[in-house]
Structure formats: structure tokens, C-alpha cells
Amino acid sequence: MTNNYLNPNKSIENRFDGVADALASEGYVIIDNFLSSEEVELLLSVLKHYIESDRLKKAGIGTAYQYQVNREVRGDYIKWVEPSQALPPTQTFIDYLKDLIAYLNRTCFLGLKDFEVHYTMYPKGTYYDKHIDRFKLNDARVISMVTYLNKDWKEGDGGELILYPEDKPAISIQPTSGRMICFRSDSIEHEVLTTNTERYSITGWLLNQISELTFINQ
């Protein structure tokens, strides 16, 4: 079986070594230390700035006319990232995503064209029920990804991500600092368990078409 826990060194050339093989064989990959502690600190400062300035909004489910806020399904708050207005720490992260898109197009021929990404905060006591990321009426999402900004996460803090790969046992993933998870948007169901402390991340999707987000009031 492919080792789905990767620990790349920080050079661009091999940051993503092994990612393509893991996605192809298992449908998901866990990249430890994708972000350095300094990068986590900077991104977390951006997220906390948005929290303190009341820029996060309650997340909903669905898209377009089907969009709705349902607190019984998910409890997170989000701030969508507009690339043209991204602060320097966020822009660095966006550059990594562009590298990832180029790598996956070169190695997996996925035809990726764009991305969507938002900062995410789960307040204590919240969760996200089991779901799949690709919309029924829009198949743009190809790869889902979560990168964690929880500097001092410890056993018992909750908020684990549970993946349900097809025909395989469920995978429980701890939301530890700097870790990135990538998985197929079309086939892997997943959920976020109840968190016992505030849980921080950057969540996004790699798309096979240009993003249609307008960022109005975001």
C-alpha cells in the first residue's frame, strides 16, 4: 500500500513527491509539514485578524439557488480568499496551490484550471456531517484539500477529519499544525467530528474550470 503520510522537504522541486501516486492508488494523501511553523503562524495571524474584525460568515451548503445555512449539518465560519486582494501570507499559500496544480496536471493529467479557497474556523462544539464535496449540478471540484493551522492541537481536542474511501476502512486524521490533506472530491465522503476547542484551517478545491466565485460581501 502507498504510504499516505508524506513529509516533503521544502524545495519546490520535491514538495509534492509521492502525492500523485497516493491520489491514484488510495484517493487521498496526507502531507505532514506542508507548511513550516513560521508559515502557519503568519496564516493564523491573517485568520485571527478576520475573526477579530468580524469578517467570517456562517458557512452554508449547496450552490446557487440551492444554497442554505443549516447549523445542524455544519457549524463552521469562513472567509473566502480573493486572490487579487490576498495578504502576503495568503499569497504565498496561493503560490503553493499553483505549484500543486501544475504538478498534478503534469503527473495525473487532471486538466486543473483554477482553485477556490477559504479560511475556516470551527467554534467549540461544532462539526460537519458526513458529505461529499462535488455538487450534483456542478462537477468542477476535482481535488479537495485542507491545511491545518492548529498550533497546539492535542489528543482530546476533537475536530478530526474522517475520510471514507470507497471499499476501504475509514481514516481518522488529526488536525495538526502544518498538515495538508488532499482527496478526490467526487468519491470520498468525509466529516469533521465535534471539536472541543476552536479549530483553524484553510480549506479549498482544485477545479477543472475557472472559478465562478464573485466574492461579493466576502
Protein backbone atom coordinates (compact mmCIF):
# COMPACT_ATOMS: atom_id res chain seq x y z
CA MET A 1 0.00 0.00 0.00
CA THR A 2 1.18 3.54 -0.73
CA ASN A 3 2.43 5.46 2.28
CA ASN A 4 -0.23 8.16 2.51
CA TYR A 5 1.66 10.16 5.14
CA LEU A 6 4.28 12.22 3.34
CA ASN A 7 6.84 14.59 4.83
CA PRO A 8 8.35 16.59 1.96
CA ASN A 9 11.36 18.81 2.28
CA LYS A 10 10.67 22.42 1.45
CA SER A 11 12.19 22.76 -2.03
CA ILE A 12 9.67 23.35 -4.80
CA GLU A 13 11.13 20.51 -6.87
CA ASN A 14 10.07 17.75 -4.49
CA ARG A 15 7.43 19.36 -2.27
CA PHE A 16 4.85 17.08 -3.89
CA ASP A 17 6.87 13.90 -4.37
CA GLY A 18 4.55 10.92 -3.88
CA VAL A 19 1.32 12.91 -3.99
CA ALA A 20 0.30 11.70 -7.44
CA ASP A 21 0.92 8.03 -6.59
CA ALA A 22 -1.09 8.26 -3.37
CA LEU A 23 -4.02 10.02 -5.02
CA ALA A 24 -4.06 7.47 -7.84
CA SER A 25 -3.88 4.41 -5.59
CA GLU A 26 -5.81 5.46 -2.50
CA GLY A 27 -7.74 8.58 -3.49
CA TYR A 28 -6.19 10.68 -0.71
CA VAL A 29 -2.84 11.82 0.63
CA ILE A 30 -1.68 13.34 3.93
CA ILE A 31 1.30 15.69 3.70
CA ASP A 32 2.88 16.43 7.06
CA ASN A 33 4.79 19.70 7.50
CA PHE A 34 3.41 21.05 4.24
CA LEU A 35 3.68 24.44 5.95
CA SER A 36 6.52 25.46 8.23
CA SER A 37 5.77 26.69 11.74
CA GLU A 38 6.53 30.23 10.58
CA GLU A 39 4.09 29.94 7.67
CA VAL A 40 1.41 28.58 9.99
CA GLU A 41 1.96 31.49 12.38
CA LEU A 42 1.60 34.05 9.59
CA LEU A 43 -1.53 32.48 8.11
CA LEU A 44 -3.07 32.12 11.55
CA SER A 45 -2.47 35.81 12.18
CA VAL A 46 -4.42 36.60 9.00
CA LEU A 47 -7.29 34.36 10.05
CA LYS A 48 -7.41 35.84 13.54
CA HIS A 49 -7.43 39.33 12.02
CA TYR A 50 -10.52 38.32 10.04
CA ILE A 51 -12.13 36.88 13.18
CA GLU A 52 -11.41 39.98 15.26
CA SER A 53 -12.75 42.28 12.52
CA ASP A 54 -15.91 40.15 12.17
CA ARG A 55 -15.13 39.17 8.57
CA LEU A 56 -16.06 35.49 8.85
CA LYS A 57 -19.54 34.33 7.87
CA LYS A 58 -21.56 31.27 8.75
CA ALA A 59 -20.90 28.62 6.11
CA GLY A 60 -23.77 27.08 4.16
CA ILE A 61 -24.38 24.05 1.98
CA GLY A 62 -25.20 23.76 -1.70
CA THR A 63 -24.60 26.21 -4.50
CA ALA A 64 -26.52 28.91 -6.38
CA TYR A 65 -30.27 28.72 -5.71
CA GLN A 66 -29.77 25.59 -3.59
CA TYR A 67 -27.51 27.38 -1.11
CA GLN A 68 -28.66 27.35 2.50
CA VAL A 69 -27.29 27.74 6.00
CA ASN A 70 -28.02 24.67 8.12
CA ARG A 71 -26.47 24.63 11.59
CA GLU A 72 -27.49 21.00 12.07
CA VAL A 73 -25.22 19.97 9.17
CA ARG A 74 -22.15 22.17 9.60
CA GLY A 75 -21.02 24.68 12.18
CA ASP A 76 -18.00 26.39 10.66
CA TYR A 77 -17.42 30.05 9.79
CA ILE A 78 -15.47 31.00 6.67
CA LYS A 79 -13.77 33.84 4.82
CA TRP A 80 -13.34 33.29 1.08
CA VAL A 81 -9.98 34.30 -0.36
CA GLU A 82 -9.95 36.72 -3.28
CA PRO A 83 -6.52 36.10 -4.88
CA SER A 84 -6.14 39.64 -6.19
CA GLN A 85 -6.63 41.02 -2.67
CA ALA A 86 -4.72 38.35 -0.73
CA LEU A 87 -2.38 39.47 2.03
CA PRO A 88 1.27 38.33 1.65
CA PRO A 89 0.99 35.15 3.81
CA THR A 90 -2.11 34.11 1.88
CA GLN A 91 -0.43 34.88 -1.43
CA THR A 92 2.43 32.56 -0.52
CA PHE A 93 -0.09 29.80 0.13
CA ILE A 94 -1.80 30.55 -3.20
CA ASP A 95 1.57 30.19 -4.93
CA TYR A 96 1.88 26.71 -3.39
CA LEU A 97 -1.54 25.82 -4.77
CA LYS A 98 -0.49 26.93 -8.23
CA ASP A 99 2.58 24.70 -7.93
CA LEU A 100 0.32 21.83 -6.86
CA ILE A 101 -1.98 22.38 -9.85
CA ALA A 102 0.99 22.36 -12.23
CA TYR A 103 2.36 19.20 -10.62
CA LEU A 104 -0.96 17.30 -10.77
CA ASN A 105 -1.58 18.35 -14.36
CA ARG A 106 1.89 17.13 -15.29
CA THR A 107 1.70 13.82 -13.40
CA CYS A 108 -2.03 12.94 -13.40
CA PHE A 109 -3.33 14.83 -16.46
CA LEU A 110 -6.26 16.21 -14.44
CA GLY A 111 -6.83 19.31 -16.55
CA LEU A 112 -6.97 21.58 -13.49
CA LYS A 113 -7.55 25.23 -14.27
CA ASP A 114 -8.24 27.10 -11.03
CA PHE A 115 -8.96 26.84 -7.32
CA GLU A 116 -11.31 28.07 -4.61
CA VAL A 117 -10.07 28.52 -1.06
CA HIS A 118 -11.30 29.95 2.21
CA TYR A 119 -10.15 30.38 5.78
CA THR A 120 -12.18 28.25 8.19
CA MET A 121 -12.89 28.42 11.90
CA TYR A 122 -14.93 25.82 13.80
CA PRO A 123 -16.08 27.18 17.18
CA LYS A 124 -16.00 24.84 20.15
CA GLY A 125 -18.80 22.27 19.97
CA THR A 126 -19.30 22.41 16.18
CA TYR A 127 -18.87 19.77 13.48
CA TYR A 128 -19.64 18.98 9.83
CA ASP A 129 -21.80 15.98 8.98
CA LYS A 130 -20.73 13.31 6.50
CA HIS A 131 -20.87 14.62 2.94
CA ILE A 132 -19.17 14.69 -0.45
CA ASP A 133 -17.69 17.88 -1.92
CA ARG A 134 -18.66 17.70 -5.58
CA PHE A 135 -22.05 19.28 -6.30
CA LYS A 136 -24.69 17.34 -8.20
CA LEU A 137 -25.19 20.19 -10.66
CA ASN A 138 -21.54 21.24 -10.95
CA ASP A 139 -18.60 18.84 -11.40
CA ALA A 140 -15.86 21.49 -11.24
CA ARG A 141 -14.34 20.27 -7.97
CA VAL A 142 -11.70 17.61 -8.63
CA ILE A 143 -9.42 17.62 -5.58
CA SER A 144 -10.43 18.75 -2.07
CA MET A 145 -7.76 19.99 0.30
CA VAL A 146 -7.48 21.06 3.93
CA THR A 147 -4.42 22.63 5.54
CA TYR A 148 -4.42 22.93 9.33
CA LEU A 149 -3.37 25.96 11.37
CA ASN A 150 -3.87 24.47 14.87
CA LYS A 151 -0.54 25.13 16.57
CA ASP A 152 -1.15 23.32 19.84
CA TRP A 153 -3.67 20.63 18.89
CA LYS A 154 -3.56 17.67 21.29
CA GLU A 155 -5.41 14.41 21.82
CA GLY A 156 -8.89 15.16 23.11
CA ASP A 157 -9.26 18.50 21.31
CA GLY A 158 -11.51 16.81 18.74
CA GLY A 159 -12.18 18.11 15.25
CA GLU A 160 -10.66 15.11 13.50
CA LEU A 161 -11.33 14.72 9.78
CA ILE A 162 -12.78 11.30 8.94
CA LEU A 163 -12.36 10.09 5.37
CA TYR A 164 -14.43 7.24 3.94
CA PRO A 165 -12.52 5.91 0.91
CA GLU A 166 -14.54 3.63 -1.34
CA ASP A 167 -14.48 -0.02 -0.21
CA LYS A 168 -11.86 0.73 2.46
CA PRO A 169 -11.85 1.38 6.22
CA ALA A 170 -12.47 4.90 7.45
CA ILE A 171 -9.40 7.08 8.07
CA SER A 172 -9.21 9.39 11.11
CA ILE A 173 -6.87 12.36 10.61
CA GLN A 174 -5.77 14.66 13.39
CA PRO A 175 -5.85 18.39 12.51
CA THR A 176 -2.25 19.07 13.46
CA SER A 177 -0.36 22.21 12.55
CA GLY A 178 1.04 22.48 9.01
CA ARG A 179 -0.56 19.25 7.77
CA MET A 180 -2.30 19.20 4.36
CA ILE A 181 -4.81 16.58 3.24
CA CYS A 182 -5.80 16.18 -0.40
CA PHE A 183 -8.52 13.82 -1.59
CA ARG A 184 -10.83 13.20 -4.51
CA SER A 185 -13.86 15.49 -4.41
CA ASP A 186 -16.09 13.18 -6.43
CA SER A 187 -15.81 9.93 -4.49
CA ILE A 188 -14.57 10.31 -0.91
CA GLU A 189 -17.19 11.07 1.70
CA HIS A 190 -15.90 12.78 4.82
CA GLU A 191 -16.93 14.50 8.02
CA VAL A 192 -15.47 16.70 10.76
CA LEU A 193 -16.01 15.40 14.27
CA THR A 194 -17.15 17.73 17.06
CA THR A 195 -14.30 19.99 18.10
CA ASN A 196 -13.64 20.72 21.76
CA THR A 197 -11.62 23.83 21.02
CA GLU A 198 -11.54 26.36 18.18
CA ARG A 199 -10.27 24.65 15.03
CA TYR A 200 -8.47 26.60 12.28
CA SER A 201 -7.66 25.69 8.69
CA ILE A 202 -7.52 26.76 5.08
CA THR A 203 -9.92 24.70 3.01
CA GLY A 204 -10.20 24.62 -0.77
CA TRP A 205 -10.74 22.79 -4.02
CA LEU A 206 -8.78 22.39 -7.24
CA LEU A 207 -11.12 22.91 -10.19
CA ASN A 208 -11.35 21.73 -13.79
CA GLN A 209 -12.82 25.10 -14.81
CA ILE A 210 -12.28 28.76 -13.96
CA SER A 211 -13.73 29.69 -10.58
CA GLU A 212 -17.09 31.45 -10.73
CA LEU A 213 -16.90 32.95 -7.24
CA THR A 214 -17.81 36.63 -7.23
CA PHE A 215 -16.54 37.38 -3.70
CA ILE A 216 -19.45 39.77 -3.17
CA ASN A 217 -19.63 40.62 0.54
CA GLN A 218 -16.93 38.06 1.25
